[in-house]
Amino acid sequence: PPTALGGSSSPTLSFDAIPETLSKTNLGLLQPHDPIHVERAMQLTSRLDGHFVQGHVDTTAPLLETLTTHNEFRLRLQSPPDFAKYLIPKGSVTLDGVSLTIASLTSTTFEVALIPTTLQITSLGKRPPHWPFNLECDILSKTIITHLERIKGSLP
């Protein structure tokens, strides 16, 4: 049967989750009525603005720490080894359904900065250390790198 999720003051969202989805996401950790983030897809007739995301989770990225100063709030996450190559400075990622810009990047970690509005309307800033955020990498990076790897002969 479909899984039902949604807060008490918001509509319920029901969907089916297959084993592959559960193995690549944090959905198995959620309980009925847990809040989730759903961004509306861009319409092809709209002005292009923001990030290109598909809503297809690639893997999870564990939260290493929350970094706060008097004027900034960041999340530092572990870069999943098989997906780190798709993370680029100022590139886009989606964490738990929220599209964001990479603010800082090392070979093993990346950070996203959360603006006050994002902190207010999402649960991103409330997650505990080690929370496995659903991660969708930039589709443009994935497409270009996959194409170059195929040309180079390292992919079938």
C-alpha atoms as a PDB file:
ATOM      1  CA  PRO A   1       0.000   0.000   0.000  1.00  0.00           C
ATOM      2  CA  PRO A   2       1.125   3.608  -0.533  1.00  0.00           C
ATOM      3  CA  THR A   3       3.056   5.325   2.228  1.00  0.00           C
ATOM      4  CA  ALA A   4       1.303   8.381   3.714  1.00  0.00           C
ATOM      5  CA  LEU A   5       3.375  11.313   4.950  1.00  0.00           C
ATOM      6  CA  GLY A   6       2.465  14.856   5.946  1.00  0.00           C
ATOM      7  CA  GLY A   7       2.197  17.186   8.898  1.00  0.00           C
ATOM      8  CA  SER A   8      -1.037  17.693  10.807  1.00  0.00           C
ATOM      9  CA  SER A   9      -1.524  21.156   9.296  1.00  0.00           C
ATOM     10  CA  SER A  10      -0.602  20.149   5.749  1.00  0.00           C
ATOM     11  CA  PRO A  11      -2.114  17.805   3.199  1.00  0.00           C
ATOM     12  CA  THR A  12      -1.083  14.176   3.270  1.00  0.00           C
ATOM     13  CA  LEU A  13       1.129  12.939   0.463  1.00  0.00           C
ATOM     14  CA  SER A  14       0.846   9.260  -0.370  1.00  0.00           C
ATOM     15  CA  PHE A  15       3.166   7.306  -2.621  1.00  0.00           C
ATOM     16  CA  ASP A  16       4.629   3.873  -3.259  1.00  0.00           C
ATOM     17  CA  ALA A  17       8.265   3.238  -2.353  1.00  0.00           C
ATOM     18  CA  ILE A  18      10.078   0.339  -4.019  1.00  0.00           C
ATOM     19  CA  PRO A  19      13.137  -1.378  -2.482  1.00  0.00           C
ATOM     20  CA  GLU A  20      15.568   0.648  -4.625  1.00  0.00           C
ATOM     21  CA  THR A  21      14.077   3.905  -3.356  1.00  0.00           C
ATOM     22  CA  LEU A  22      14.292   2.746   0.239  1.00  0.00           C
ATOM     23  CA  SER A  23      17.927   1.626  -0.224  1.00  0.00           C
ATOM     24  CA  LYS A  24      19.040   4.998  -1.664  1.00  0.00           C
ATOM     25  CA  THR A  25      17.045   7.394   0.508  1.00  0.00           C
ATOM     26  CA  ASN A  26      16.147   8.227   4.090  1.00  0.00           C
ATOM     27  CA  LEU A  27      12.450   7.525   3.487  1.00  0.00           C
ATOM     28  CA  GLY A  28      12.592   4.369   5.603  1.00  0.00           C
ATOM     29  CA  LEU A  29      13.461   6.547   8.626  1.00  0.00           C
ATOM     30  CA  LEU A  30      10.345   8.692   8.286  1.00  0.00           C
ATOM     31  CA  GLN A  31       7.131   8.068  10.183  1.00  0.00           C
ATOM     32  CA  PRO A  32       3.585   8.954   9.168  1.00  0.00           C
ATOM     33  CA  HIS A  33       3.004  12.692   9.660  1.00  0.00           C
ATOM     34  CA  ASP A  34       6.717  13.573   9.559  1.00  0.00           C
ATOM     35  CA  PRO A  35       7.215  16.784   7.573  1.00  0.00           C
ATOM     36  CA  ILE A  36       8.778  16.426   4.138  1.00  0.00           C
ATOM     37  CA  HIS A  37       9.815  18.939   1.462  1.00  0.00           C
ATOM     38  CA  VAL A  38       8.270  18.936  -1.983  1.00  0.00           C
ATOM     39  CA  GLU A  39       9.218  21.586  -4.517  1.00  0.00           C
ATOM     40  CA  ARG A  40       7.024  22.100  -7.523  1.00  0.00           C
ATOM     41  CA  ALA A  41       8.577  21.267 -10.854  1.00  0.00           C
ATOM     42  CA  MET A  42       9.429  24.132 -13.186  1.00  0.00           C
ATOM     43  CA  GLN A  43       7.074  24.447 -16.141  1.00  0.00           C
ATOM     44  CA  LEU A  44       8.735  24.403 -19.541  1.00  0.00           C
ATOM     45  CA  THR A  45       6.869  27.579 -20.454  1.00  0.00           C
ATOM     46  CA  SER A  46       8.362  29.428 -17.465  1.00  0.00           C
ATOM     47  CA  ARG A  47      11.423  31.635 -17.384  1.00  0.00           C
ATOM     48  CA  LEU A  48      14.493  29.541 -16.514  1.00  0.00           C
ATOM     49  CA  ASP A  49      15.455  30.436 -12.970  1.00  0.00           C
ATOM     50  CA  GLY A  50      17.116  28.514 -10.171  1.00  0.00           C
ATOM     51  CA  HIS A  51      18.484  25.000 -10.216  1.00  0.00           C
ATOM     52  CA  PHE A  52      17.948  22.152 -12.630  1.00  0.00           C
ATOM     53  CA  VAL A  53      16.740  19.257 -10.503  1.00  0.00           C
ATOM     54  CA  GLN A  54      14.675  16.212 -11.339  1.00  0.00           C
ATOM     55  CA  GLY A  55      13.536  14.904  -7.978  1.00  0.00           C
ATOM     56  CA  HIS A  56      15.487  11.660  -8.374  1.00  0.00           C
ATOM     57  CA  VAL A  57      17.542  10.944  -5.264  1.00  0.00           C
ATOM     58  CA  ASP A  58      21.036   9.652  -6.062  1.00  0.00           C
ATOM     59  CA  THR A  59      22.106   8.629  -2.560  1.00  0.00           C
ATOM     60  CA  THR A  60      22.327  10.030   0.943  1.00  0.00           C
ATOM     61  CA  ALA A  61      24.876  12.452   2.416  1.00  0.00           C
ATOM     62  CA  PRO A  62      25.349  12.327   6.191  1.00  0.00           C
ATOM     63  CA  LEU A  63      25.294  15.575   8.151  1.00  0.00           C
ATOM     64  CA  LEU A  64      28.701  16.046   9.785  1.00  0.00           C
ATOM     65  CA  GLU A  65      27.976  19.285  11.593  1.00  0.00           C
ATOM     66  CA  THR A  66      25.940  22.454  11.701  1.00  0.00           C
ATOM     67  CA  LEU A  67      28.001  25.637  11.497  1.00  0.00           C
ATOM     68  CA  THR A  68      26.471  28.825  12.820  1.00  0.00           C
ATOM     69  CA  THR A  69      27.751  32.346  13.224  1.00  0.00           C
ATOM     70  CA  HIS A  70      25.891  35.540  14.002  1.00  0.00           C
ATOM     71  CA  ASN A  71      25.104  36.014  10.305  1.00  0.00           C
ATOM     72  CA  GLU A  72      25.283  32.590   8.660  1.00  0.00           C
ATOM     73  CA  PHE A  73      23.952  29.044   9.032  1.00  0.00           C
ATOM     74  CA  ARG A  74      25.629  26.186   7.155  1.00  0.00           C
ATOM     75  CA  LEU A  75      25.388  22.438   6.985  1.00  0.00           C
ATOM     76  CA  ARG A  76      28.595  20.447   6.394  1.00  0.00           C
ATOM     77  CA  LEU A  77      27.940  17.079   4.823  1.00  0.00           C
ATOM     78  CA  GLN A  78      30.022  14.057   3.871  1.00  0.00           C
ATOM     79  CA  SER A  79      30.505  13.749   0.113  1.00  0.00           C
ATOM     80  CA  PRO A  80      29.474  10.236  -0.927  1.00  0.00           C
ATOM     81  CA  PRO A  81      32.571   8.788  -2.664  1.00  0.00           C
ATOM     82  CA  ASP A  82      30.743   7.611  -5.805  1.00  0.00           C
ATOM     83  CA  PHE A  83      28.991  10.967  -6.228  1.00  0.00           C
ATOM     84  CA  ALA A  84      31.634  13.489  -5.104  1.00  0.00           C
ATOM     85  CA  LYS A  85      32.710  14.005  -8.714  1.00  0.00           C
ATOM     86  CA  TYR A  86      29.303  15.581  -9.443  1.00  0.00           C
ATOM     87  CA  LEU A  87      29.670  18.206  -6.703  1.00  0.00           C
ATOM     88  CA  ILE A  88      31.135  21.462  -8.001  1.00  0.00           C
ATOM     89  CA  PRO A  89      31.744  24.890  -6.442  1.00  0.00           C
ATOM     90  CA  LYS A  90      28.559  26.979  -6.697  1.00  0.00           C
ATOM     91  CA  GLY A  91      26.818  23.977  -8.254  1.00  0.00           C
ATOM     92  CA  SER A  92      23.378  22.869  -7.205  1.00  0.00           C
ATOM     93  CA  VAL A  93      22.332  19.976  -5.009  1.00  0.00           C
ATOM     94  CA  THR A  94      19.024  18.961  -3.569  1.00  0.00           C
ATOM     95  CA  LEU A  95      18.888  17.921   0.087  1.00  0.00           C
ATOM     96  CA  ASP A  96      15.697  16.249   1.269  1.00  0.00           C
ATOM     97  CA  GLY A  97      13.830  17.835  -1.636  1.00  0.00           C
ATOM     98  CA  VAL A  98      15.170  21.392  -1.227  1.00  0.00           C
ATOM     99  CA  SER A  99      17.388  22.761  -4.005  1.00  0.00           C
ATOM    100  CA  LEU A 100      20.474  24.575  -2.715  1.00  0.00           C
ATOM    101  CA  THR A 101      23.811  25.948  -3.868  1.00  0.00           C
ATOM    102  CA  ILE A 102      27.114  24.443  -2.746  1.00  0.00           C
ATOM    103  CA  ALA A 103      28.838  27.119  -0.660  1.00  0.00           C
ATOM    104  CA  SER A 104      32.091  25.264   0.059  1.00  0.00           C
ATOM    105  CA  LEU A 105      33.683  22.072  -1.193  1.00  0.00           C
ATOM    106  CA  THR A 106      36.609  19.825  -0.264  1.00  0.00           C
ATOM    107  CA  SER A 107      37.533  16.399  -1.589  1.00  0.00           C
ATOM    108  CA  THR A 108      35.462  14.708   1.149  1.00  0.00           C
ATOM    109  CA  THR A 109      32.894  17.287   2.302  1.00  0.00           C
ATOM    110  CA  PHE A 110      30.588  19.990   1.035  1.00  0.00           C
ATOM    111  CA  GLU A 111      28.654  22.791   2.686  1.00  0.00           C
ATOM    112  CA  VAL A 112      25.404  24.538   1.897  1.00  0.00           C
ATOM    113  CA  ALA A 113      24.369  27.866   3.392  1.00  0.00           C
ATOM    114  CA  LEU A 114      20.773  28.161   4.534  1.00  0.00           C
ATOM    115  CA  ILE A 115      19.097  31.550   4.290  1.00  0.00           C
ATOM    116  CA  PRO A 116      16.619  32.596   7.014  1.00  0.00           C
ATOM    117  CA  THR A 117      13.607  31.741   4.831  1.00  0.00           C
ATOM    118  CA  THR A 118      14.910  28.217   4.211  1.00  0.00           C
ATOM    119  CA  LEU A 119      15.518  27.766   7.937  1.00  0.00           C
ATOM    120  CA  GLN A 120      11.997  28.972   8.682  1.00  0.00           C
ATOM    121  CA  ILE A 121      10.022  26.903   6.167  1.00  0.00           C
ATOM    122  CA  THR A 122      12.040  23.653   6.085  1.00  0.00           C
ATOM    123  CA  SER A 123      13.368  21.184   8.625  1.00  0.00           C
ATOM    124  CA  LEU A 124      16.895  21.210   7.154  1.00  0.00           C
ATOM    125  CA  GLY A 125      18.382  23.176  10.052  1.00  0.00           C
ATOM    126  CA  LYS A 126      16.720  20.954  12.649  1.00  0.00           C
ATOM    127  CA  ARG A 127      18.260  17.639  11.626  1.00  0.00           C
ATOM    128  CA  PRO A 128      20.636  15.940  14.090  1.00  0.00           C
ATOM    129  CA  PRO A 129      24.276  15.051  13.335  1.00  0.00           C
ATOM    130  CA  HIS A 130      24.611  11.993  11.091  1.00  0.00           C
ATOM    131  CA  TRP A 131      21.149  12.527   9.551  1.00  0.00           C
ATOM    132  CA  PRO A 132      21.341  10.958   6.063  1.00  0.00           C
ATOM    133  CA  PHE A 133      20.038  13.746   3.834  1.00  0.00           C
ATOM    134  CA  ASN A 134      18.601  12.599   0.514  1.00  0.00           C
ATOM    135  CA  LEU A 135      21.029  13.925  -2.080  1.00  0.00           C
ATOM    136  CA  GLU A 136      20.333  14.709  -5.709  1.00  0.00           C
ATOM    137  CA  CYS A 137      23.396  15.943  -7.569  1.00  0.00           C
ATOM    138  CA  ASP A 138      23.305  18.485 -10.373  1.00  0.00           C
ATOM    139  CA  ILE A 139      21.871  16.845 -13.523  1.00  0.00           C
ATOM    140  CA  LEU A 140      24.115  18.952 -15.759  1.00  0.00           C
ATOM    141  CA  SER A 141      27.244  17.725 -13.936  1.00  0.00           C
ATOM    142  CA  LYS A 142      26.028  14.134 -14.041  1.00  0.00           C
ATOM    143  CA  THR A 143      25.283  14.330 -17.753  1.00  0.00           C
ATOM    144  CA  ILE A 144      28.602  15.931 -18.734  1.00  0.00           C
ATOM    145  CA  ILE A 145      30.783  13.706 -16.548  1.00  0.00           C
ATOM    146  CA  THR A 146      28.986  10.520 -17.596  1.00  0.00           C
ATOM    147  CA  HIS A 147      29.341  11.476 -21.271  1.00  0.00           C
ATOM    148  CA  LEU A 148      33.074  12.227 -20.878  1.00  0.00           C
ATOM    149  CA  GLU A 149      33.639   8.959 -19.022  1.00  0.00           C
ATOM    150  CA  ARG A 150      31.904   7.023 -21.804  1.00  0.00           C
ATOM    151  CA  ILE A 151      34.052   8.748 -24.425  1.00  0.00           C
ATOM    152  CA  LYS A 152      37.167   7.947 -22.395  1.00  0.00           C
ATOM    153  CA  GLY A 153      36.054   4.309 -22.244  1.00  0.00           C
ATOM    154  CA  SER A 154      35.647   3.954 -18.503  1.00  0.00           C
ATOM    155  CA  LEU A 155      31.887   3.289 -18.767  1.00  0.00           C
ATOM    156  CA  PRO A 156      29.934   0.837 -20.936  1.00  0.00           C
END
